[in-house]
Amino acid sequence: MRILGVDPGLRVTGYGAIETDARGMRLVEAGVIAPAPSLPLERRLRDLFDEMRAVLGAVEPDVMVVEELWTAYRNPTTAVLMGHARGVICLAAAAHDVRVRHLVHSLVKRALVGSGGARKQQVKQMVVQLLRLRTQPQPDDVSDALALALALANIERTEERFAGLKVTALR
């Protein structure tokens, strides 16, 4: 299975594709999309859409995972702008008929490190370890995108394992 993780942003969107099989997980491609901040919003969104479509065409993922929107209540404008970026990214996936999953960052941490309160550095170390990389992916947006992809791989593997299990309630 090929999974594309996306850490959305209007300034920098990180992406990372992994492939999973019986032997484990391996890095396929990773990078950033960075529309020029001097452009008007509608142009940056179009550039983000076009570049995300190019990534989707090159990577050909089976599924894309996008980080859920989170922002502090005191920053509603940031939430709206991030919502624009997430919407364009999801639209690009739909244009390629790619299924989209959404994960909150605490679930990503739990799926990789075992704790929803894990520190960012712990998550980065797991990305390096699981993909057998020599160095940590840079910038953080790429590392976060790869963490999303790895977390989804772990979650889907767990879902598959328990899919056929019949659970009975104990009395």
C-alpha atoms as a PDB file:
ATOM      1  CA  MET A   1       0.000   0.000   0.000  1.00  0.00           C
ATOM      2  CA  ARG A   2       1.233   3.484  -0.802  1.00  0.00           C
ATOM      3  CA  ILE A   3       0.322   6.232   1.677  1.00  0.00           C
ATOM      4  CA  LEU A   4       0.802   9.967   1.161  1.00  0.00           C
ATOM      5  CA  GLY A   5       0.955  12.026   4.347  1.00  0.00           C
ATOM      6  CA  VAL A   6       0.274  15.749   4.070  1.00  0.00           C
ATOM      7  CA  ASP A   7       0.944  18.438   6.684  1.00  0.00           C
ATOM      8  CA  PRO A   8      -1.118  21.321   5.254  1.00  0.00           C
ATOM      9  CA  GLY A   9      -0.145  24.964   5.288  1.00  0.00           C
ATOM     10  CA  LEU A  10      -0.416  28.037   3.119  1.00  0.00           C
ATOM     11  CA  ARG A  11       3.245  28.974   3.518  1.00  0.00           C
ATOM     12  CA  VAL A  12       4.669  25.444   3.565  1.00  0.00           C
ATOM     13  CA  THR A  13       2.862  22.166   2.975  1.00  0.00           C
ATOM     14  CA  GLY A  14       4.946  19.115   3.770  1.00  0.00           C
ATOM     15  CA  TYR A  15       4.316  15.795   2.090  1.00  0.00           C
ATOM     16  CA  GLY A  16       5.774  12.338   2.461  1.00  0.00           C
ATOM     17  CA  ALA A  17       4.943   9.107   0.692  1.00  0.00           C
ATOM     18  CA  ILE A  18       5.695   5.675   2.081  1.00  0.00           C
ATOM     19  CA  GLU A  19       5.095   2.177   0.832  1.00  0.00           C
ATOM     20  CA  THR A  20       4.136  -0.666   3.134  1.00  0.00           C
ATOM     21  CA  ASP A  21       4.317  -4.383   2.521  1.00  0.00           C
ATOM     22  CA  ALA A  22       5.144  -7.588   4.385  1.00  0.00           C
ATOM     23  CA  ARG A  23       8.805  -6.531   4.685  1.00  0.00           C
ATOM     24  CA  GLY A  24       7.984  -3.220   6.370  1.00  0.00           C
ATOM     25  CA  MET A  25       7.817   0.418   5.358  1.00  0.00           C
ATOM     26  CA  ARG A  26      10.022   2.450   3.063  1.00  0.00           C
ATOM     27  CA  LEU A  27      10.266   6.061   1.965  1.00  0.00           C
ATOM     28  CA  VAL A  28       9.067   6.748  -1.586  1.00  0.00           C
ATOM     29  CA  GLU A  29       9.264  10.539  -1.819  1.00  0.00           C
ATOM     30  CA  ALA A  30       9.081  13.587   0.420  1.00  0.00           C
ATOM     31  CA  GLY A  31       9.228  17.332   0.029  1.00  0.00           C
ATOM     32  CA  VAL A  32       7.465  20.629   0.446  1.00  0.00           C
ATOM     33  CA  ILE A  33       5.108  22.804  -1.535  1.00  0.00           C
ATOM     34  CA  ALA A  34       5.711  26.478  -0.780  1.00  0.00           C
ATOM     35  CA  PRO A  35       3.579  28.969  -2.710  1.00  0.00           C
ATOM     36  CA  ALA A  36       5.080  32.457  -2.774  1.00  0.00           C
ATOM     37  CA  PRO A  37       3.766  34.361   0.272  1.00  0.00           C
ATOM     38  CA  SER A  38       3.695  37.592  -1.747  1.00  0.00           C
ATOM     39  CA  LEU A  39       0.922  36.233  -3.996  1.00  0.00           C
ATOM     40  CA  PRO A  40      -2.755  36.870  -3.275  1.00  0.00           C
ATOM     41  CA  LEU A  41      -4.576  34.118  -1.375  1.00  0.00           C
ATOM     42  CA  GLU A  42      -6.463  32.786  -4.411  1.00  0.00           C
ATOM     43  CA  ARG A  43      -3.216  32.430  -6.390  1.00  0.00           C
ATOM     44  CA  ARG A  44      -1.440  30.632  -3.520  1.00  0.00           C
ATOM     45  CA  LEU A  45      -4.394  28.243  -3.250  1.00  0.00           C
ATOM     46  CA  ARG A  46      -4.292  27.571  -6.988  1.00  0.00           C
ATOM     47  CA  ASP A  47      -0.545  26.948  -6.830  1.00  0.00           C
ATOM     48  CA  LEU A  48      -1.019  24.615  -3.855  1.00  0.00           C
ATOM     49  CA  PHE A  49      -3.749  22.749  -5.753  1.00  0.00           C
ATOM     50  CA  ASP A  50      -1.645  22.448  -8.930  1.00  0.00           C
ATOM     51  CA  GLU A  51       1.458  21.291  -7.100  1.00  0.00           C
ATOM     52  CA  MET A  52      -0.483  18.819  -4.937  1.00  0.00           C
ATOM     53  CA  ARG A  53      -2.010  17.354  -8.094  1.00  0.00           C
ATOM     54  CA  ALA A  54       1.496  16.969  -9.528  1.00  0.00           C
ATOM     55  CA  VAL A  55       2.624  15.165  -6.358  1.00  0.00           C
ATOM     56  CA  LEU A  56      -0.440  12.898  -6.453  1.00  0.00           C
ATOM     57  CA  GLY A  57       0.218  12.102 -10.117  1.00  0.00           C
ATOM     58  CA  ALA A  58       3.857  11.254  -9.452  1.00  0.00           C
ATOM     59  CA  VAL A  59       3.352   9.286  -6.227  1.00  0.00           C
ATOM     60  CA  GLU A  60       0.062   7.548  -7.125  1.00  0.00           C
ATOM     61  CA  PRO A  61      -0.978   6.850  -3.529  1.00  0.00           C
ATOM     62  CA  ASP A  62      -3.692   4.427  -2.492  1.00  0.00           C
ATOM     63  CA  VAL A  63      -4.686   6.757   0.320  1.00  0.00           C
ATOM     64  CA  MET A  64      -3.803  10.236   1.528  1.00  0.00           C
ATOM     65  CA  VAL A  65      -3.772  11.229   5.188  1.00  0.00           C
ATOM     66  CA  VAL A  66      -4.100  14.867   6.216  1.00  0.00           C
ATOM     67  CA  GLU A  67      -3.604  16.312   9.659  1.00  0.00           C
ATOM     68  CA  GLU A  68      -6.844  17.482  11.257  1.00  0.00           C
ATOM     69  CA  LEU A  69      -7.215  21.199  11.739  1.00  0.00           C
ATOM     70  CA  TRP A  70      -6.139  22.443  15.133  1.00  0.00           C
ATOM     71  CA  THR A  71      -5.625  25.985  16.285  1.00  0.00           C
ATOM     72  CA  ALA A  72      -5.876  27.963  19.466  1.00  0.00           C
ATOM     73  CA  TYR A  73      -9.229  29.655  19.975  1.00  0.00           C
ATOM     74  CA  ARG A  74      -7.483  33.018  20.027  1.00  0.00           C
ATOM     75  CA  ASN A  75      -6.374  32.523  16.382  1.00  0.00           C
ATOM     76  CA  PRO A  76      -9.579  32.044  14.371  1.00  0.00           C
ATOM     77  CA  THR A  77      -8.059  33.633  11.246  1.00  0.00           C
ATOM     78  CA  THR A  78      -5.322  31.010  11.244  1.00  0.00           C
ATOM     79  CA  ALA A  79      -7.961  28.272  11.427  1.00  0.00           C
ATOM     80  CA  VAL A  80      -9.833  29.707   8.454  1.00  0.00           C
ATOM     81  CA  LEU A  81      -6.659  30.011   6.346  1.00  0.00           C
ATOM     82  CA  MET A  82      -5.606  26.470   7.267  1.00  0.00           C
ATOM     83  CA  GLY A  83      -9.092  25.302   6.334  1.00  0.00           C
ATOM     84  CA  HIS A  84      -8.582  26.793   2.865  1.00  0.00           C
ATOM     85  CA  ALA A  85      -5.322  24.856   2.458  1.00  0.00           C
ATOM     86  CA  ARG A  86      -6.866  21.593   3.710  1.00  0.00           C
ATOM     87  CA  GLY A  87      -9.832  22.050   1.373  1.00  0.00           C
ATOM     88  CA  VAL A  88      -7.626  22.528  -1.678  1.00  0.00           C
ATOM     89  CA  ILE A  89      -5.514  19.503  -0.723  1.00  0.00           C
ATOM     90  CA  CYS A  90      -8.627  17.330  -0.303  1.00  0.00           C
ATOM     91  CA  LEU A  91      -9.975  18.613  -3.629  1.00  0.00           C
ATOM     92  CA  ALA A  92      -6.717  17.605  -5.342  1.00  0.00           C
ATOM     93  CA  ALA A  93      -7.071  14.108  -3.851  1.00  0.00           C
ATOM     94  CA  ALA A  94     -10.666  13.884  -5.070  1.00  0.00           C
ATOM     95  CA  ALA A  95      -9.540  14.930  -8.560  1.00  0.00           C
ATOM     96  CA  HIS A  96      -7.233  11.875  -8.506  1.00  0.00           C
ATOM     97  CA  ASP A  97      -9.838   9.564  -6.913  1.00  0.00           C
ATOM     98  CA  VAL A  98      -7.619   9.117  -3.857  1.00  0.00           C
ATOM     99  CA  ARG A  99      -9.297   8.253  -0.557  1.00  0.00           C
ATOM    100  CA  VAL A 100      -8.538  10.761   2.236  1.00  0.00           C
ATOM    101  CA  ARG A 101      -8.210   9.995   5.944  1.00  0.00           C
ATOM    102  CA  HIS A 102      -7.850  12.636   8.657  1.00  0.00           C
ATOM    103  CA  LEU A 103      -5.867  12.199  11.878  1.00  0.00           C
ATOM    104  CA  VAL A 104      -5.478  14.449  14.910  1.00  0.00           C
ATOM    105  CA  HIS A 105      -1.909  15.007  16.027  1.00  0.00           C
ATOM    106  CA  SER A 106      -2.414  13.256  19.380  1.00  0.00           C
ATOM    107  CA  LEU A 107      -3.467  10.053  17.566  1.00  0.00           C
ATOM    108  CA  VAL A 108      -0.391  10.296  15.327  1.00  0.00           C
ATOM    109  CA  LYS A 109       1.805  10.526  18.432  1.00  0.00           C
ATOM    110  CA  ARG A 110       0.008   7.595  20.051  1.00  0.00           C
ATOM    111  CA  ALA A 111       0.301   5.432  16.922  1.00  0.00           C
ATOM    112  CA  LEU A 112       4.048   6.077  16.606  1.00  0.00           C
ATOM    113  CA  VAL A 113       5.330   6.573  20.147  1.00  0.00           C
ATOM    114  CA  GLY A 114       2.595   5.055  22.295  1.00  0.00           C
ATOM    115  CA  SER A 115       1.598   8.315  23.973  1.00  0.00           C
ATOM    116  CA  GLY A 116      -0.626  11.130  22.729  1.00  0.00           C
ATOM    117  CA  GLY A 117       1.520  13.522  24.750  1.00  0.00           C
ATOM    118  CA  ALA A 118       4.815  12.555  23.097  1.00  0.00           C
ATOM    119  CA  ARG A 119       7.235  15.342  22.268  1.00  0.00           C
ATOM    120  CA  LYS A 120       7.900  16.355  18.680  1.00  0.00           C
ATOM    121  CA  GLN A 121      11.488  15.086  18.937  1.00  0.00           C
ATOM    122  CA  GLN A 122      10.272  11.612  19.948  1.00  0.00           C
ATOM    123  CA  VAL A 123       8.007  11.491  16.892  1.00  0.00           C
ATOM    124  CA  LYS A 124      10.878  12.586  14.631  1.00  0.00           C
ATOM    125  CA  GLN A 125      13.086   9.834  16.058  1.00  0.00           C
ATOM    126  CA  MET A 126      10.408   7.241  15.307  1.00  0.00           C
ATOM    127  CA  VAL A 127      10.138   8.506  11.721  1.00  0.00           C
ATOM    128  CA  VAL A 128      13.902   8.026  11.318  1.00  0.00           C
ATOM    129  CA  GLN A 129      13.808   4.597  12.959  1.00  0.00           C
ATOM    130  CA  LEU A 130      10.781   3.201  11.126  1.00  0.00           C
ATOM    131  CA  LEU A 131      11.989   4.364   7.707  1.00  0.00           C
ATOM    132  CA  ARG A 132      15.620   3.511   8.465  1.00  0.00           C
ATOM    133  CA  LEU A 133      16.797   7.011   7.545  1.00  0.00           C
ATOM    134  CA  ARG A 134      20.276   8.364   8.265  1.00  0.00           C
ATOM    135  CA  THR A 135      19.065  11.829   9.271  1.00  0.00           C
ATOM    136  CA  GLN A 136      15.843  13.487  10.335  1.00  0.00           C
ATOM    137  CA  PRO A 137      13.760  14.791   7.439  1.00  0.00           C
ATOM    138  CA  GLN A 138      13.834  18.570   7.108  1.00  0.00           C
ATOM    139  CA  PRO A 139      11.977  20.835   7.439  1.00  0.00           C
ATOM    140  CA  ASP A 140       9.585  19.826  10.227  1.00  0.00           C
ATOM    141  CA  ASP A 141       6.685  19.892   7.751  1.00  0.00           C
ATOM    142  CA  VAL A 142       8.212  16.901   5.913  1.00  0.00           C
ATOM    143  CA  SER A 143       8.828  15.000   9.136  1.00  0.00           C
ATOM    144  CA  ASP A 144       5.243  15.695  10.247  1.00  0.00           C
ATOM    145  CA  ALA A 145       3.873  14.477   6.900  1.00  0.00           C
ATOM    146  CA  LEU A 146       5.890  11.256   7.127  1.00  0.00           C
ATOM    147  CA  ALA A 147       4.689  10.785  10.713  1.00  0.00           C
ATOM    148  CA  LEU A 148       1.099  11.024   9.456  1.00  0.00           C
ATOM    149  CA  ALA A 149       1.749   8.384   6.788  1.00  0.00           C
ATOM    150  CA  LEU A 150       3.478   6.040   9.238  1.00  0.00           C
ATOM    151  CA  ALA A 151       0.742   6.489  11.828  1.00  0.00           C
ATOM    152  CA  LEU A 152      -1.949   5.649   9.290  1.00  0.00           C
ATOM    153  CA  ALA A 153       0.005   2.560   8.218  1.00  0.00           C
ATOM    154  CA  ASN A 154       0.093   1.404  11.846  1.00  0.00           C
ATOM    155  CA  ILE A 155      -3.583   2.201  12.397  1.00  0.00           C
ATOM    156  CA  GLU A 156      -4.727   0.435   9.212  1.00  0.00           C
ATOM    157  CA  ARG A 157      -2.575  -2.599  10.023  1.00  0.00           C
ATOM    158  CA  THR A 158      -4.243  -2.789  13.437  1.00  0.00           C
ATOM    159  CA  GLU A 159      -7.706  -2.348  11.906  1.00  0.00           C
ATOM    160  CA  GLU A 160      -7.001  -5.216   9.478  1.00  0.00           C
ATOM    161  CA  ARG A 161      -5.820  -7.488  12.290  1.00  0.00           C
ATOM    162  CA  PHE A 162      -8.983  -6.985  14.299  1.00  0.00           C
ATOM    163  CA  ALA A 163     -11.433  -6.811  11.375  1.00  0.00           C
ATOM    164  CA  GLY A 164     -12.286 -10.517  11.466  1.00  0.00           C
ATOM    165  CA  LEU A 165     -12.353 -10.820  15.237  1.00  0.00           C
ATOM    166  CA  LYS A 166     -15.655 -11.555  16.867  1.00  0.00           C
ATOM    167  CA  VAL A 167     -15.903  -9.676  20.113  1.00  0.00           C
ATOM    168  CA  THR A 168     -18.270 -10.930  22.790  1.00  0.00           C
ATOM    169  CA  ALA A 169     -19.179  -9.059  25.897  1.00  0.00           C
ATOM    170  CA  LEU A 170     -18.191 -10.548  29.219  1.00  0.00           C
ATOM    171  CA  ARG A 171     -20.931 -10.728  31.822  1.00  0.00           C
END
